[in-house]
Amino acid sequence: MDTTQLLLTVVLTITTILLVIIGIQLIFVLKELRQVLKRANQLANGFEKVGLSVEHGFSEVFGFLSGIKTIFKVFEVIQNKKNGKTDES
């Protein structure tokens, strides 16, 4: 075998081994990245649930305040009727 052929065979063998090792490492990195993205997705879903519950709480508070406002308007109308005042607007 010629020295050029021997050198070429050794270089190709080493290159193939290195590429296989890099491919295996890439597979491990991609698996870990997938796990990280799953955790990030779960975290985002958790924040979404918290946001929806806060939004629901705010809507309940606004509904309660709207009810209180309506009650005060009813009392005002009753008081105006007692005093003989009529609202012409």
PDB file of N, CA and C in Angstrom:
ATOM      1  N   MET A   1       0.842  -1.170   0.000  1.00  0.00           N
ATOM      2  CA  MET A   1       0.000   0.000   0.000  1.00  0.00           C
ATOM      3  C   MET A   1       0.890   1.238   0.000  1.00  0.00           C
ATOM      4  N   ASP A   2       0.504   2.137  -0.742  1.00  0.00           N
ATOM      5  CA  ASP A   2       1.217   3.396  -0.911  1.00  0.00           C
ATOM      6  C   ASP A   2       1.069   4.249   0.349  1.00  0.00           C
ATOM      7  N   THR A   3       2.013   5.097   0.663  1.00  0.00           N
ATOM      8  CA  THR A   3       1.901   5.959   1.854  1.00  0.00           C
ATOM      9  C   THR A   3       0.766   6.961   1.703  1.00  0.00           C
ATOM     10  N   THR A   4       0.491   7.397   0.511  1.00  0.00           N
ATOM     11  CA  THR A   4      -0.621   8.328   0.281  1.00  0.00           C
ATOM     12  C   THR A   4      -1.952   7.641   0.574  1.00  0.00           C
ATOM     13  N   GLN A   5      -2.099   6.419   0.130  1.00  0.00           N
ATOM     14  CA  GLN A   5      -3.336   5.674   0.399  1.00  0.00           C
ATOM     15  C   GLN A   5      -3.480   5.395   1.890  1.00  0.00           C
ATOM     16  N   LEU A   6      -2.392   5.042   2.528  1.00  0.00           N
ATOM     17  CA  LEU A   6      -2.425   4.773   3.961  1.00  0.00           C
ATOM     18  C   LEU A   6      -2.810   6.031   4.744  1.00  0.00           C
ATOM     19  N   LEU A   7      -2.199   7.143   4.385  1.00  0.00           N
ATOM     20  CA  LEU A   7      -2.507   8.418   5.049  1.00  0.00           C
ATOM     21  C   LEU A   7      -3.962   8.809   4.811  1.00  0.00           C
ATOM     22  N   LEU A   8      -4.437   8.634   3.608  1.00  0.00           N
ATOM     23  CA  LEU A   8      -5.828   8.960   3.275  1.00  0.00           C
ATOM     24  C   LEU A   8      -6.794   8.063   4.043  1.00  0.00           C
ATOM     25  N   THR A   9      -6.498   6.798   4.178  1.00  0.00           N
ATOM     26  CA  THR A   9      -7.343   5.868   4.928  1.00  0.00           C
ATOM     27  C   THR A   9      -7.381   6.230   6.412  1.00  0.00           C
ATOM     28  N   VAL A  10      -6.242   6.574   6.975  1.00  0.00           N
ATOM     29  CA  VAL A  10      -6.181   6.959   8.396  1.00  0.00           C
ATOM     30  C   VAL A  10      -6.969   8.239   8.628  1.00  0.00           C
ATOM     31  N   VAL A  11      -6.788   9.211   7.773  1.00  0.00           N
ATOM     32  CA  VAL A  11      -7.499  10.490   7.925  1.00  0.00           C
ATOM     33  C   VAL A  11      -9.002  10.279   7.796  1.00  0.00           C
ATOM     34  N   LEU A  12      -9.433   9.480   6.824  1.00  0.00           N
ATOM     35  CA  LEU A  12     -10.871   9.223   6.660  1.00  0.00           C
ATOM     36  C   LEU A  12     -11.434   8.453   7.848  1.00  0.00           C
ATOM     37  N   THR A  13     -10.693   7.525   8.380  1.00  0.00           N
ATOM     38  CA  THR A  13     -11.156   6.768   9.542  1.00  0.00           C
ATOM     39  C   THR A  13     -11.304   7.675  10.760  1.00  0.00           C
ATOM     40  N   ILE A  14     -10.307   8.510  10.996  1.00  0.00           N
ATOM     41  CA  ILE A  14     -10.378   9.441  12.138  1.00  0.00           C
ATOM     42  C   ILE A  14     -11.524  10.427  11.951  1.00  0.00           C
ATOM     43  N   THR A  15     -11.696  10.933  10.747  1.00  0.00           N
ATOM     44  CA  THR A  15     -12.793  11.870  10.465  1.00  0.00           C
ATOM     45  C   THR A  15     -14.145  11.198  10.679  1.00  0.00           C
ATOM     46  N   THR A  16     -14.288   9.971  10.244  1.00  0.00           N
ATOM     47  CA  THR A  16     -15.545   9.237  10.431  1.00  0.00           C
ATOM     48  C   THR A  16     -15.839   9.023  11.913  1.00  0.00           C
ATOM     49  N   ILE A  17     -14.821   8.630  12.669  1.00  0.00           N
ATOM     50  CA  ILE A  17     -15.005   8.418  14.112  1.00  0.00           C
ATOM     51  C   ILE A  17     -15.405   9.724  14.796  1.00  0.00           C
ATOM     52  N   LEU A  18     -14.741  10.818  14.447  1.00  0.00           N
ATOM     53  CA  LEU A  18     -15.076  12.119  15.047  1.00  0.00           C
ATOM     54  C   LEU A  18     -16.498  12.548  14.691  1.00  0.00           C
ATOM     55  N   LEU A  19     -16.898  12.328  13.444  1.00  0.00           N
ATOM     56  CA  LEU A  19     -18.255  12.709  13.041  1.00  0.00           C
ATOM     57  C   LEU A  19     -19.307  11.863  13.751  1.00  0.00           C
ATOM     58  N   VAL A  20     -19.020  10.593  13.994  1.00  0.00           N
ATOM     59  CA  VAL A  20     -19.957   9.743  14.727  1.00  0.00           C
ATOM     60  C   VAL A  20     -20.078  10.235  16.165  1.00  0.00           C
ATOM     61  N   ILE A  21     -18.946  10.572  16.782  1.00  0.00           N
ATOM     62  CA  ILE A  21     -18.975  11.087  18.163  1.00  0.00           C
ATOM     63  C   ILE A  21     -19.740  12.405  18.226  1.00  0.00           C
ATOM     64  N   ILE A  22     -19.505  13.296  17.283  1.00  0.00           N
ATOM     65  CA  ILE A  22     -20.223  14.581  17.242  1.00  0.00           C
ATOM     66  C   ILE A  22     -21.718  14.347  17.037  1.00  0.00           C
ATOM     67  N   GLY A  23     -22.080  13.381  16.190  1.00  0.00           N
ATOM     68  CA  GLY A  23     -23.496  13.068  15.965  1.00  0.00           C
ATOM     69  C   GLY A  23     -24.167  12.571  17.235  1.00  0.00           C
ATOM     70  N   ILE A  24     -23.468  11.695  17.979  1.00  0.00           N
ATOM     71  CA  ILE A  24     -24.036  11.184  19.242  1.00  0.00           C
ATOM     72  C   ILE A  24     -24.203  12.321  20.242  1.00  0.00           C
ATOM     73  N   GLN A  25     -23.204  13.200  20.352  1.00  0.00           N
ATOM     74  CA  GLN A  25     -23.302  14.344  21.264  1.00  0.00           C
ATOM     75  C   GLN A  25     -24.452  15.267  20.856  1.00  0.00           C
ATOM     76  N   LEU A  26     -24.630  15.441  19.552  1.00  0.00           N
ATOM     77  CA  LEU A  26     -25.723  16.282  19.057  1.00  0.00           C
ATOM     78  C   LEU A  26     -27.076  15.693  19.442  1.00  0.00           C
ATOM     79  N   ILE A  27     -27.187  14.381  19.389  1.00  0.00           N
ATOM     80  CA  ILE A  27     -28.433  13.727  19.799  1.00  0.00           C
ATOM     81  C   ILE A  27     -28.706  13.995  21.279  1.00  0.00           C
ATOM     82  N   PHE A  28     -27.670  13.894  22.118  1.00  0.00           N
ATOM     83  CA  PHE A  28     -27.845  14.168  23.548  1.00  0.00           C
ATOM     84  C   PHE A  28     -28.248  15.620  23.791  1.00  0.00           C
ATOM     85  N   VAL A  29     -27.621  16.538  23.071  1.00  0.00           N
ATOM     86  CA  VAL A  29     -27.946  17.967  23.229  1.00  0.00           C
ATOM     87  C   VAL A  29     -29.384  18.228  22.809  1.00  0.00           C
ATOM     88  N   LEU A  30     -29.822  17.626  21.712  1.00  0.00           N
ATOM     89  CA  LEU A  30     -31.195  17.835  21.241  1.00  0.00           C
ATOM     90  C   LEU A  30     -32.217  17.251  22.219  1.00  0.00           C
ATOM     91  N   LYS A  31     -31.889  16.104  22.842  1.00  0.00           N
ATOM     92  CA  LYS A  31     -32.785  15.529  23.848  1.00  0.00           C
ATOM     93  C   LYS A  31     -32.909  16.459  25.057  1.00  0.00           C
ATOM     94  N   GLU A  32     -31.779  17.003  25.481  1.00  0.00           N
ATOM     95  CA  GLU A  32     -31.802  17.917  26.624  1.00  0.00           C
ATOM     96  C   GLU A  32     -32.562  19.197  26.280  1.00  0.00           C
ATOM     97  N   LEU A  33     -32.372  19.688  25.073  1.00  0.00           N
ATOM     98  CA  LEU A  33     -33.097  20.875  24.632  1.00  0.00           C
ATOM     99  C   LEU A  33     -34.601  20.613  24.613  1.00  0.00           C
ATOM    100  N   ARG A  34     -34.989  19.426  24.202  1.00  0.00           N
ATOM    101  CA  ARG A  34     -36.409  19.060  24.197  1.00  0.00           C
ATOM    102  C   ARG A  34     -36.974  19.077  25.614  1.00  0.00           C
ATOM    103  N   GLN A  35     -36.214  18.541  26.577  1.00  0.00           N
ATOM    104  CA  GLN A  35     -36.672  18.548  27.965  1.00  0.00           C
ATOM    105  C   GLN A  35     -36.793  19.974  28.489  1.00  0.00           C
ATOM    106  N   VAL A  36     -35.840  20.827  28.153  1.00  0.00           N
ATOM    107  CA  VAL A  36     -35.884  22.219  28.598  1.00  0.00           C
ATOM    108  C   VAL A  36     -37.107  22.921  28.005  1.00  0.00           C
ATOM    109  N   LEU A  37     -37.388  22.659  26.737  1.00  0.00           N
ATOM    110  CA  LEU A  37     -38.549  23.287  26.103  1.00  0.00           C
ATOM    111  C   LEU A  37     -39.857  22.780  26.712  1.00  0.00           C
ATOM    112  N   LYS A  38     -39.902  21.510  27.103  1.00  0.00           N
ATOM    113  CA  LYS A  38     -41.091  20.989  27.773  1.00  0.00           C
ATOM    114  C   LYS A  38     -41.301  21.694  29.103  1.00  0.00           C
ATOM    115  N   ARG A  39     -40.213  21.871  29.859  1.00  0.00           N
ATOM    116  CA  ARG A  39     -40.326  22.578  31.149  1.00  0.00           C
ATOM    117  C   ARG A  39     -40.759  24.017  30.948  1.00  0.00           C
ATOM    118  N   ALA A  40     -40.205  24.677  29.939  1.00  0.00           N
ATOM    119  CA  ALA A  40     -40.592  26.063  29.656  1.00  0.00           C
ATOM    120  C   ALA A  40     -42.062  26.139  29.267  1.00  0.00           C
ATOM    121  N   ASN A  41     -42.532  25.160  28.520  1.00  0.00           N
ATOM    122  CA  ASN A  41     -43.942  25.124  28.131  1.00  0.00           C
ATOM    123  C   ASN A  41     -44.830  24.938  29.358  1.00  0.00           C
ATOM    124  N   GLN A  42     -44.419  24.054  30.270  1.00  0.00           N
ATOM    125  CA  GLN A  42     -45.188  23.857  31.501  1.00  0.00           C
ATOM    126  C   GLN A  42     -45.204  25.136  32.333  1.00  0.00           C
ATOM    127  N   LEU A  43     -44.077  25.825  32.384  1.00  0.00           N
ATOM    128  CA  LEU A  43     -44.006  27.080  33.125  1.00  0.00           C
ATOM    129  C   LEU A  43     -44.917  28.128  32.506  1.00  0.00           C
ATOM    130  N   ALA A  44     -44.915  28.211  31.189  1.00  0.00           N
ATOM    131  CA  ALA A  44     -45.789  29.165  30.503  1.00  0.00           C
ATOM    132  C   ALA A  44     -47.259  28.823  30.743  1.00  0.00           C
ATOM    133  N   ASN A  45     -47.591  27.539  30.739  1.00  0.00           N
ATOM    134  CA  ASN A  45     -48.971  27.137  31.029  1.00  0.00           C
ATOM    135  C   ASN A  45     -49.354  27.509  32.452  1.00  0.00           C
ATOM    136  N   GLY A  46     -48.419  27.360  33.391  1.00  0.00           N
ATOM    137  CA  GLY A  46     -48.684  27.749  34.772  1.00  0.00           C
ATOM    138  C   GLY A  46     -48.951  29.239  34.886  1.00  0.00           C
ATOM    139  N   PHE A  47     -48.133  30.060  34.193  1.00  0.00           N
ATOM    140  CA  PHE A  47     -48.359  31.502  34.209  1.00  0.00           C
ATOM    141  C   PHE A  47     -49.698  31.848  33.578  1.00  0.00           C
ATOM    142  N   GLU A  48     -50.062  31.123  32.538  1.00  0.00           N
ATOM    143  CA  GLU A  48     -51.351  31.376  31.885  1.00  0.00           C
ATOM    144  C   GLU A  48     -52.502  31.079  32.834  1.00  0.00           C
ATOM    145  N   LYS A  49     -52.391  29.982  33.587  1.00  0.00           N
ATOM    146  CA  LYS A  49     -53.439  29.637  34.550  1.00  0.00           C
ATOM    147  C   LYS A  49     -53.542  30.699  35.633  1.00  0.00           C
ATOM    148  N   VAL A  50     -52.387  31.168  36.121  1.00  0.00           N
ATOM    149  CA  VAL A  50     -52.392  32.216  37.146  1.00  0.00           C
ATOM    150  C   VAL A  50     -53.022  33.483  36.584  1.00  0.00           C
ATOM    151  N   GLY A  51     -52.656  33.825  35.360  1.00  0.00           N
ATOM    152  CA  GLY A  51     -53.224  35.022  34.728  1.00  0.00           C
ATOM    153  C   GLY A  51     -54.725  34.914  34.563  1.00  0.00           C
ATOM    154  N   LEU A  52     -55.200  33.753  34.167  1.00  0.00           N
ATOM    155  CA  LEU A  52     -56.646  33.574  33.999  1.00  0.00           C
ATOM    156  C   LEU A  52     -57.367  33.644  35.330  1.00  0.00           C
ATOM    157  N   SER A  53     -56.761  33.099  36.386  1.00  0.00           N
ATOM    158  CA  SER A  53     -57.417  33.158  37.695  1.00  0.00           C
ATOM    159  C   SER A  53     -57.436  34.585  38.221  1.00  0.00           C
ATOM    160  N   VAL A  54     -56.362  35.347  37.970  1.00  0.00           N
ATOM    161  CA  VAL A  54     -56.349  36.755  38.386  1.00  0.00           C
ATOM    162  C   VAL A  54     -57.388  37.538  37.598  1.00  0.00           C
ATOM    163  N   GLU A  55     -57.470  37.254  36.308  1.00  0.00           N
ATOM    164  CA  GLU A  55     -58.470  37.933  35.473  1.00  0.00           C
ATOM    165  C   GLU A  55     -59.882  37.610  35.964  1.00  0.00           C
ATOM    166  N   HIS A  56     -60.108  36.345  36.309  1.00  0.00           N
ATOM    167  CA  HIS A  56     -61.415  35.946  36.827  1.00  0.00           C
ATOM    168  C   HIS A  56     -61.707  36.662  38.149  1.00  0.00           C
ATOM    169  N   GLY A  57     -60.696  36.776  39.001  1.00  0.00           N
ATOM    170  CA  GLY A  57     -60.863  37.484  40.270  1.00  0.00           C
ATOM    171  C   GLY A  57     -61.203  38.949  40.052  1.00  0.00           C
ATOM    172  N   PHE A  58     -60.503  39.607  39.097  1.00  0.00           N
ATOM    173  CA  PHE A  58     -60.793  41.008  38.806  1.00  0.00           C
ATOM    174  C   PHE A  58     -62.207  41.170  38.264  1.00  0.00           C
ATOM    175  N   SER A  59     -62.644  40.243  37.428  1.00  0.00           N
ATOM    176  CA  SER A  59     -63.997  40.362  36.884  1.00  0.00           C
ATOM    177  C   SER A  59     -65.033  40.202  37.990  1.00  0.00           C
ATOM    178  N   GLU A  60     -64.742  39.331  38.963  1.00  0.00           N
ATOM    179  CA  GLU A  60     -65.657  39.198  40.088  1.00  0.00           C
ATOM    180  C   GLU A  60     -65.693  40.466  40.928  1.00  0.00           C
ATOM    181  N   VAL A  61     -64.534  41.081  41.149  1.00  0.00           N
ATOM    182  CA  VAL A  61     -64.485  42.327  41.926  1.00  0.00           C
ATOM    183  C   VAL A  61     -65.238  43.424  41.187  1.00  0.00           C
ATOM    184  N   PHE A  62     -65.024  43.551  39.870  1.00  0.00           N
ATOM    185  CA  PHE A  62     -65.729  44.573  39.105  1.00  0.00           C
ATOM    186  C   PHE A  62     -67.238  44.308  39.101  1.00  0.00           C
ATOM    187  N   GLY A  63     -67.620  43.054  39.029  1.00  0.00           N
ATOM    188  CA  GLY A  63     -69.043  42.723  39.103  1.00  0.00           C
ATOM    189  C   GLY A  63     -69.630  43.101  40.453  1.00  0.00           C
ATOM    190  N   PHE A  64     -68.881  42.840  41.516  1.00  0.00           N
ATOM    191  CA  PHE A  64     -69.333  43.205  42.857  1.00  0.00           C
ATOM    192  C   PHE A  64     -69.468  44.718  42.977  1.00  0.00           C
ATOM    193  N   LEU A  65     -68.474  45.451  42.489  1.00  0.00           N
ATOM    194  CA  LEU A  65     -68.537  46.916  42.557  1.00  0.00           C
ATOM    195  C   LEU A  65     -69.681  47.453  41.709  1.00  0.00           C
ATOM    196  N   SER A  66     -69.945  46.826  40.588  1.00  0.00           N
ATOM    197  CA  SER A  66     -71.073  47.244  39.750  1.00  0.00           C
ATOM    198  C   SER A  66     -72.390  47.016  40.481  1.00  0.00           C
ATOM    199  N   GLY A  67     -72.492  45.906  41.202  1.00  0.00           N
ATOM    200  CA  GLY A  67     -73.695  45.640  41.994  1.00  0.00           C
ATOM    201  C   GLY A  67     -73.878  46.666  43.100  1.00  0.00           C
ATOM    202  N   ILE A  68     -72.788  47.021  43.761  1.00  0.00           N
ATOM    203  CA  ILE A  68     -72.849  48.040  44.812  1.00  0.00           C
ATOM    204  C   ILE A  68     -73.297  49.373  44.224  1.00  0.00           C
ATOM    205  N   LYS A  69     -72.748  49.722  43.049  1.00  0.00           N
ATOM    206  CA  LYS A  69     -73.123  50.969  42.388  1.00  0.00           C
ATOM    207  C   LYS A  69     -74.616  50.971  42.052  1.00  0.00           C
ATOM    208  N   THR A  70     -75.124  49.831  41.596  1.00  0.00           N
ATOM    209  CA  THR A  70     -76.549  49.722  41.275  1.00  0.00           C
ATOM    210  C   THR A  70     -77.398  49.876  42.530  1.00  0.00           C
ATOM    211  N   ILE A  71     -76.949  49.280  43.617  1.00  0.00           N
ATOM    212  CA  ILE A  71     -77.691  49.411  44.882  1.00  0.00           C
ATOM    213  C   ILE A  71     -77.741  50.864  45.322  1.00  0.00           C
ATOM    214  N   PHE A  72     -76.626  51.584  45.213  1.00  0.00           N
ATOM    215  CA  PHE A  72     -76.620  53.005  45.583  1.00  0.00           C
ATOM    216  C   PHE A  72     -77.549  53.811  44.690  1.00  0.00           C
ATOM    217  N   LYS A  73     -77.611  53.475  43.396  1.00  0.00           N
ATOM    218  CA  LYS A  73     -78.528  54.176  42.498  1.00  0.00           C
ATOM    219  C   LYS A  73     -79.972  53.920  42.909  1.00  0.00           C
ATOM    220  N   VAL A  74     -80.273  52.683  43.310  1.00  0.00           N
ATOM    221  CA  VAL A  74     -81.636  52.362  43.753  1.00  0.00           C
ATOM    222  C   VAL A  74     -81.971  53.158  45.004  1.00  0.00           C
ATOM    223  N   PHE A  75     -81.043  53.214  45.946  1.00  0.00           N
ATOM    224  CA  PHE A  75     -81.276  54.007  47.165  1.00  0.00           C
ATOM    225  C   PHE A  75     -81.468  55.481  46.830  1.00  0.00           C
ATOM    226  N   GLU A  76     -80.697  55.983  45.873  1.00  0.00           N
ATOM    227  CA  GLU A  76     -80.821  57.377  45.470  1.00  0.00           C
ATOM    228  C   GLU A  76     -82.196  57.645  44.858  1.00  0.00           C
ATOM    229  N   VAL A  77     -82.655  56.721  44.007  1.00  0.00           N
ATOM    230  CA  VAL A  77     -83.974  56.881  43.392  1.00  0.00           C
ATOM    231  C   VAL A  77     -85.055  56.849  44.466  1.00  0.00           C
ATOM    232  N   ILE A  78     -84.927  55.918  45.412  1.00  0.00           N
ATOM    233  CA  ILE A  78     -85.920  55.830  46.500  1.00  0.00           C
ATOM    234  C   ILE A  78     -85.898  57.098  47.336  1.00  0.00           C
ATOM    235  N   GLN A  79     -84.713  57.616  47.633  1.00  0.00           N
ATOM    236  CA  GLN A  79     -84.608  58.831  48.448  1.00  0.00           C
ATOM    237  C   GLN A  79     -85.178  60.018  47.686  1.00  0.00           C
ATOM    238  N   ASN A  80     -84.942  60.100  46.377  1.00  0.00           N
ATOM    239  CA  ASN A  80     -85.489  61.197  45.581  1.00  0.00           C
ATOM    240  C   ASN A  80     -87.016  61.114  45.531  1.00  0.00           C
ATOM    241  N   LYS A  81     -87.562  59.905  45.471  1.00  0.00           N
ATOM    242  CA  LYS A  81     -89.020  59.756  45.457  1.00  0.00           C
ATOM    243  C   LYS A  81     -89.605  60.143  46.809  1.00  0.00           C
ATOM    244  N   LYS A  82     -88.891  59.828  47.890  1.00  0.00           N
ATOM    245  CA  LYS A  82     -89.349  60.226  49.228  1.00  0.00           C
ATOM    246  C   LYS A  82     -89.374  61.734  49.388  1.00  0.00           C
ATOM    247  N   ASN A  83     -88.371  62.402  48.865  1.00  0.00           N
ATOM    248  CA  ASN A  83     -88.281  63.852  48.995  1.00  0.00           C
ATOM    249  C   ASN A  83     -89.131  64.570  47.954  1.00  0.00           C
ATOM    250  N   GLY A  84     -89.730  63.839  47.040  1.00  0.00           N
ATOM    251  CA  GLY A  84     -90.592  64.458  46.043  1.00  0.00           C
ATOM    252  C   GLY A  84     -89.850  64.976  44.854  1.00  0.00           C
ATOM    253  N   LYS A  85     -88.607  64.667  44.716  1.00  0.00           N
ATOM    254  CA  LYS A  85     -87.821  65.123  43.567  1.00  0.00           C
ATOM    255  C   LYS A  85     -87.972  64.125  42.432  1.00  0.00           C
ATOM    256  N   THR A  86     -88.048  64.620  41.224  1.00  0.00           N
ATOM    257  CA  THR A  86     -88.090  63.724  40.051  1.00  0.00           C
ATOM    258  C   THR A  86     -86.905  64.049  39.169  1.00  0.00           C
ATOM    259  N   ASP A  87     -86.373  63.057  38.554  1.00  0.00           N
ATOM    260  CA  ASP A  87     -85.234  63.222  37.663  1.00  0.00           C
ATOM    261  C   ASP A  87     -85.755  63.398  36.249  1.00  0.00           C
ATOM    262  N   GLU A  88     -85.570  64.578  35.685  1.00  0.00           N
ATOM    263  CA  GLU A  88     -86.110  64.881  34.356  1.00  0.00           C
ATOM    264  C   GLU A  88     -85.070  64.684  33.252  1.00  0.00           C
ATOM    265  N   SER A  89     -83.876  64.282  33.567  1.00  0.00           N
ATOM    266  CA  SER A  89     -82.858  64.129  32.521  1.00  0.00           C
ATOM    267  C   SER A  89     -82.752  62.747  32.009  1.00  0.00           C
TER     268      SER A  89
END
